[in-house]
C-alpha cells in the first residue's frame, strides 16, 4: 500500500488536474436530471459508450417519468437490450419512474435518502446525480476512483464508503465539486488498472505509488 499523501501533495495533485481540465464532465449523455438518473442506473456493469448508444434510442421517446411509463417495460427493454442486465434495468427504470411521479411530482429529488429509496439507485448513483445534476460536492466511488485513491496514497480504504469518506475529508474544498470527475477520468485513461501510464501522468510528482512505470 502506498504511503499516505500529505496535504501539500493533494493540493498539488488537484491544482494540476484543474489546470489541465478546468471544467471536467462525465461521459454519459443526458439533458435533464431524469435522463441523468436513468443513464447512471443503466451504466451499472456497462460502459458509458454502450449506455450512450442505448439512451440515444431511449431518450428521444422517453425523457420524463411519464413518458417512460407510457413507453412501458417492454418498450424500455427493446431500447436498451444492447447493454448488460437489460431486463432488470428496464424493470428498475419503470419502477423508479412510477415512484418519482407518486412521491416527487415527477421531479428527481435533490436528496440522498430519497434517491437511494428509488429502485436500482445505490449510494454511488445518488452521489453521481447529486454531483452532476445538482452541483453538490459529492464523491461517487467507482472502480477507477477506488483504485486511484488507494494506489496514490490519497485516501487508502478497503471499501468504497471508506474511500469516499476519506476523500471528503482530505480533498481541499475548492476542488471537491469536480474531484469526482478528475479522479475517474484519471483512472480511466492514465492510472489504468493493469499498467498505469506514469510516463504520461501530469501528477506523478505528487503520487506515492512505489512502482511507477517509465
Protein backbone atom coordinates (compact mmCIF):
# COMPACT_ATOMS: atom_id res chain seq x y z
CA UNK A 1 0.00 0.00 0.00
CA UNK A 2 1.27 3.46 -0.91
CA UNK A 3 2.33 5.88 1.80
CA UNK A 4 -0.43 8.36 2.61
CA UNK A 5 -0.17 11.56 0.59
CA UNK A 6 0.39 14.79 2.50
CA UNK A 7 -1.94 17.79 2.35
CA UNK A 8 0.61 19.59 0.18
CA UNK A 9 0.76 16.66 -2.23
CA UNK A 10 -3.03 16.53 -2.52
CA UNK A 11 -3.20 20.27 -3.11
CA UNK A 12 -0.60 20.00 -5.88
CA UNK A 13 -2.33 16.96 -7.38
CA UNK A 14 -5.67 18.72 -7.79
CA UNK A 15 -4.20 22.07 -8.73
CA UNK A 16 -2.53 20.35 -11.68
CA UNK A 17 -5.65 18.39 -12.67
CA UNK A 18 -7.64 21.62 -12.55
CA UNK A 19 -5.07 23.41 -14.70
CA UNK A 20 -5.22 20.59 -17.26
CA UNK A 21 -9.03 20.35 -17.29
CA UNK A 22 -10.80 23.25 -15.50
CA UNK A 23 -14.36 22.05 -16.16
CA UNK A 24 -14.35 18.24 -16.32
CA UNK A 25 -17.51 16.48 -17.45
CA UNK A 26 -18.82 12.95 -17.25
CA UNK A 27 -19.06 10.84 -20.38
CA UNK A 28 -22.71 9.81 -20.13
CA UNK A 29 -25.17 11.65 -22.38
CA UNK A 30 -28.10 13.34 -20.59
CA UNK A 31 -30.08 16.58 -20.78
CA UNK A 32 -32.14 16.79 -17.57
CA UNK A 33 -31.91 15.29 -14.07
CA UNK A 34 -34.23 12.43 -15.02
CA UNK A 35 -32.21 11.34 -18.05
CA UNK A 36 -29.05 11.63 -15.94
CA UNK A 37 -30.58 9.37 -13.28
CA UNK A 38 -31.67 6.80 -15.85
CA UNK A 39 -28.30 6.87 -17.63
CA UNK A 40 -26.43 6.25 -14.37
CA UNK A 41 -28.78 3.40 -13.41
CA UNK A 42 -28.18 1.84 -16.83
CA UNK A 43 -24.40 2.25 -16.51
CA UNK A 44 -24.01 -0.43 -13.82
CA UNK A 45 -21.74 -3.14 -15.26
CA UNK A 46 -21.82 -1.41 -18.65
CA UNK A 47 -19.57 1.06 -20.46
CA UNK A 48 -20.52 4.69 -20.92
CA UNK A 49 -20.18 4.22 -24.68
CA UNK A 50 -22.62 1.32 -24.61
CA UNK A 51 -25.09 3.20 -22.43
CA UNK A 52 -24.95 6.24 -24.72
CA UNK A 53 -25.82 4.08 -27.70
CA UNK A 54 -28.84 2.71 -25.83
CA UNK A 55 -30.04 6.07 -24.50
CA UNK A 56 -29.73 7.57 -27.99
CA UNK A 57 -32.65 5.27 -28.81
CA UNK A 58 -34.46 5.66 -25.49
CA UNK A 59 -34.37 9.36 -24.61
CA UNK A 60 -35.87 10.76 -27.84
CA UNK A 61 -39.10 8.93 -27.00
CA UNK A 62 -38.95 8.96 -23.18
CA UNK A 63 -37.11 11.70 -21.30
CA UNK A 64 -39.60 12.21 -18.44
CA UNK A 65 -41.03 9.78 -15.89
CA UNK A 66 -44.48 9.98 -17.50
CA UNK A 67 -43.14 9.31 -21.00
CA UNK A 68 -41.11 6.40 -19.63
CA UNK A 69 -44.23 4.87 -18.06
CA UNK A 70 -46.11 5.36 -21.31
CA UNK A 71 -43.33 3.52 -23.15
CA UNK A 72 -43.68 0.63 -20.72
CA UNK A 73 -41.26 -2.01 -19.52
CA UNK A 74 -41.27 -3.91 -22.80
CA UNK A 75 -40.62 -0.72 -24.73
CA UNK A 76 -37.71 0.21 -22.45
CA UNK A 77 -36.31 -3.30 -22.73
CA UNK A 78 -36.35 -3.10 -26.51
CA UNK A 79 -34.44 0.21 -26.49
CA UNK A 80 -31.72 -0.91 -24.04
CA UNK A 81 -31.31 -4.58 -24.95
CA UNK A 82 -27.74 -3.97 -26.17
CA UNK A 83 -26.45 -3.40 -22.61
CA UNK A 84 -25.90 -5.88 -19.81
CA UNK A 85 -28.67 -6.78 -17.34
CA UNK A 86 -31.21 -5.02 -19.56
CA UNK A 87 -34.19 -6.97 -18.20
CA UNK A 88 -33.58 -5.95 -14.60
CA UNK A 89 -32.64 -2.42 -15.62
CA UNK A 90 -35.83 -1.96 -17.64
CA UNK A 91 -37.85 -3.06 -14.62
CA UNK A 92 -35.99 -0.62 -12.36
CA UNK A 93 -36.37 2.29 -14.78
CA UNK A 94 -40.13 1.79 -14.93
CA UNK A 95 -40.39 1.35 -11.16
CA UNK A 96 -38.33 4.45 -10.36
CA UNK A 97 -40.31 6.47 -12.91
CA UNK A 98 -43.54 5.48 -11.17
CA UNK A 99 -42.16 6.42 -7.74
CA UNK A 100 -40.90 9.78 -8.99
CA UNK A 101 -44.44 10.59 -10.08
CA UNK A 102 -46.09 9.22 -6.94
CA UNK A 103 -43.68 10.67 -4.38
CA UNK A 104 -41.95 13.63 -6.01
CA UNK A 105 -44.33 15.15 -8.53
CA UNK A 106 -42.34 13.73 -11.43
CA UNK A 107 -39.15 15.51 -10.37
CA UNK A 108 -35.80 13.99 -9.38
CA UNK A 109 -35.27 14.79 -5.68
CA UNK A 110 -32.17 16.66 -4.54
CA UNK A 111 -31.86 14.43 -1.51
CA UNK A 112 -29.66 11.38 -0.98
CA UNK A 113 -32.13 9.34 1.08
CA UNK A 114 -34.94 9.98 -1.38
CA UNK A 115 -32.72 9.00 -4.29
CA UNK A 116 -31.49 5.82 -2.60
CA UNK A 117 -35.10 4.82 -1.96
CA UNK A 118 -35.63 4.50 -5.73
CA UNK A 119 -35.25 1.06 -7.38
CA UNK A 120 -31.79 0.46 -8.82
CA UNK A 121 -30.29 3.50 -7.07
CA UNK A 122 -27.49 2.97 -4.57
CA UNK A 123 -25.12 5.37 -2.87
CA UNK A 124 -22.81 5.70 -5.88
CA UNK A 125 -25.67 6.50 -8.26
CA UNK A 126 -27.14 9.01 -5.81
CA UNK A 127 -23.74 10.70 -5.50
CA UNK A 128 -23.39 10.98 -9.27
CA UNK A 129 -26.84 12.55 -9.64
CA UNK A 130 -26.25 14.98 -6.77
CA UNK A 131 -22.85 15.97 -8.15
CA UNK A 132 -23.53 16.23 -11.87
CA UNK A 133 -27.22 17.09 -11.82
CA UNK A 134 -27.30 19.45 -8.85
CA UNK A 135 -23.70 20.61 -8.35
CA UNK A 136 -23.29 19.05 -4.91
CA UNK A 137 -19.78 18.29 -3.63
CA UNK A 138 -20.19 14.53 -3.52
CA UNK A 139 -17.75 11.75 -4.39
CA UNK A 140 -19.03 8.74 -6.32
CA UNK A 141 -16.52 5.93 -5.85
CA UNK A 142 -16.39 3.63 -8.85
CA UNK A 143 -13.66 1.09 -9.61
CA UNK A 144 -11.40 3.73 -11.20
CA UNK A 145 -11.69 6.18 -8.34
CA UNK A 146 -11.22 3.42 -5.74
CA UNK A 147 -8.01 2.35 -7.47
CA UNK A 148 -6.58 5.87 -7.77
CA UNK A 149 -7.35 6.73 -4.15
CA UNK A 150 -5.54 3.61 -2.92
CA UNK A 151 -2.69 3.47 -5.45
CA UNK A 152 -1.63 7.09 -4.98
CA UNK A 153 -1.98 7.08 -1.20
CA UNK A 154 -4.54 9.89 -1.38
CA UNK A 155 -7.23 8.11 0.60
CA UNK A 156 -6.48 4.43 1.24
CA UNK A 157 -9.51 2.37 2.17
CA UNK A 158 -10.80 -1.18 1.99
CA UNK A 159 -14.35 -0.29 0.90
CA UNK A 160 -15.86 2.31 -1.45
CA UNK A 161 -17.56 4.01 1.51
CA UNK A 162 -14.29 4.23 3.46
CA UNK A 163 -12.58 5.78 0.43
CA UNK A 164 -15.46 8.20 -0.15
CA UNK A 165 -15.46 9.45 3.44
CA UNK A 166 -11.67 9.76 3.47
CA UNK A 167 -11.67 11.76 0.23
CA UNK A 168 -14.34 14.13 1.54
CA UNK A 169 -12.06 14.88 4.50
CA UNK A 170 -8.78 15.12 2.58
CA UNK A 171 -9.63 16.95 -0.65
CA UNK A 172 -9.43 20.76 -0.26
CA UNK A 173 -12.89 22.32 -0.54
CA UNK A 174 -12.14 24.38 -3.69
CA UNK A 175 -11.62 21.11 -5.60
CA UNK A 176 -14.42 19.00 -4.13
CA UNK A 177 -17.12 19.69 -6.70
CA UNK A 178 -15.05 18.42 -9.64
CA UNK A 179 -12.86 15.91 -7.78
CA UNK A 180 -15.15 13.02 -8.69
CA UNK A 181 -14.69 13.66 -12.42
CA UNK A 182 -10.97 14.37 -12.26
CA UNK A 183 -10.25 11.15 -10.40
CA UNK A 184 -12.48 8.95 -12.55
CA UNK A 185 -11.06 10.31 -15.80
CA UNK A 186 -7.53 9.99 -14.45
CA UNK A 187 -8.15 6.36 -13.50
CA UNK A 188 -9.85 5.56 -16.79
CA UNK A 189 -7.23 7.00 -19.12
CA UNK A 190 -3.94 7.34 -17.22
CA UNK A 191 -3.82 5.49 -13.91
CA UNK A 192 -5.20 2.34 -15.53
CA UNK A 193 -5.76 -0.94 -13.74
CA UNK A 194 -3.23 -3.30 -15.30
CA UNK A 195 -0.48 -0.85 -16.16
CA UNK A 196 -0.67 2.81 -15.19
CA UNK A 197 0.72 5.18 -17.80
CA UNK A 198 3.02 7.01 -15.41
CA UNK A 199 5.09 8.38 -18.29
CA UNK A 200 2.08 10.41 -19.46
CA UNK A 201 0.91 11.34 -15.97
CA UNK A 202 0.97 15.06 -15.19
CA UNK A 203 0.54 14.46 -11.44
CA UNK A 204 3.16 11.74 -10.94
CA UNK A 205 5.31 14.10 -8.86
CA UNK A 206 2.59 14.22 -6.19
CA UNK A 207 1.77 10.50 -6.16
CA UNK A 208 3.19 7.96 -3.70
CA UNK A 209 2.76 4.87 -5.90
CA UNK A 210 6.01 2.94 -5.41
CA UNK A 211 6.03 1.02 -8.69
CA UNK A 212 5.78 3.83 -11.23
CA UNK A 213 6.19 2.78 -14.83
CA UNK A 214 8.70 4.50 -17.10
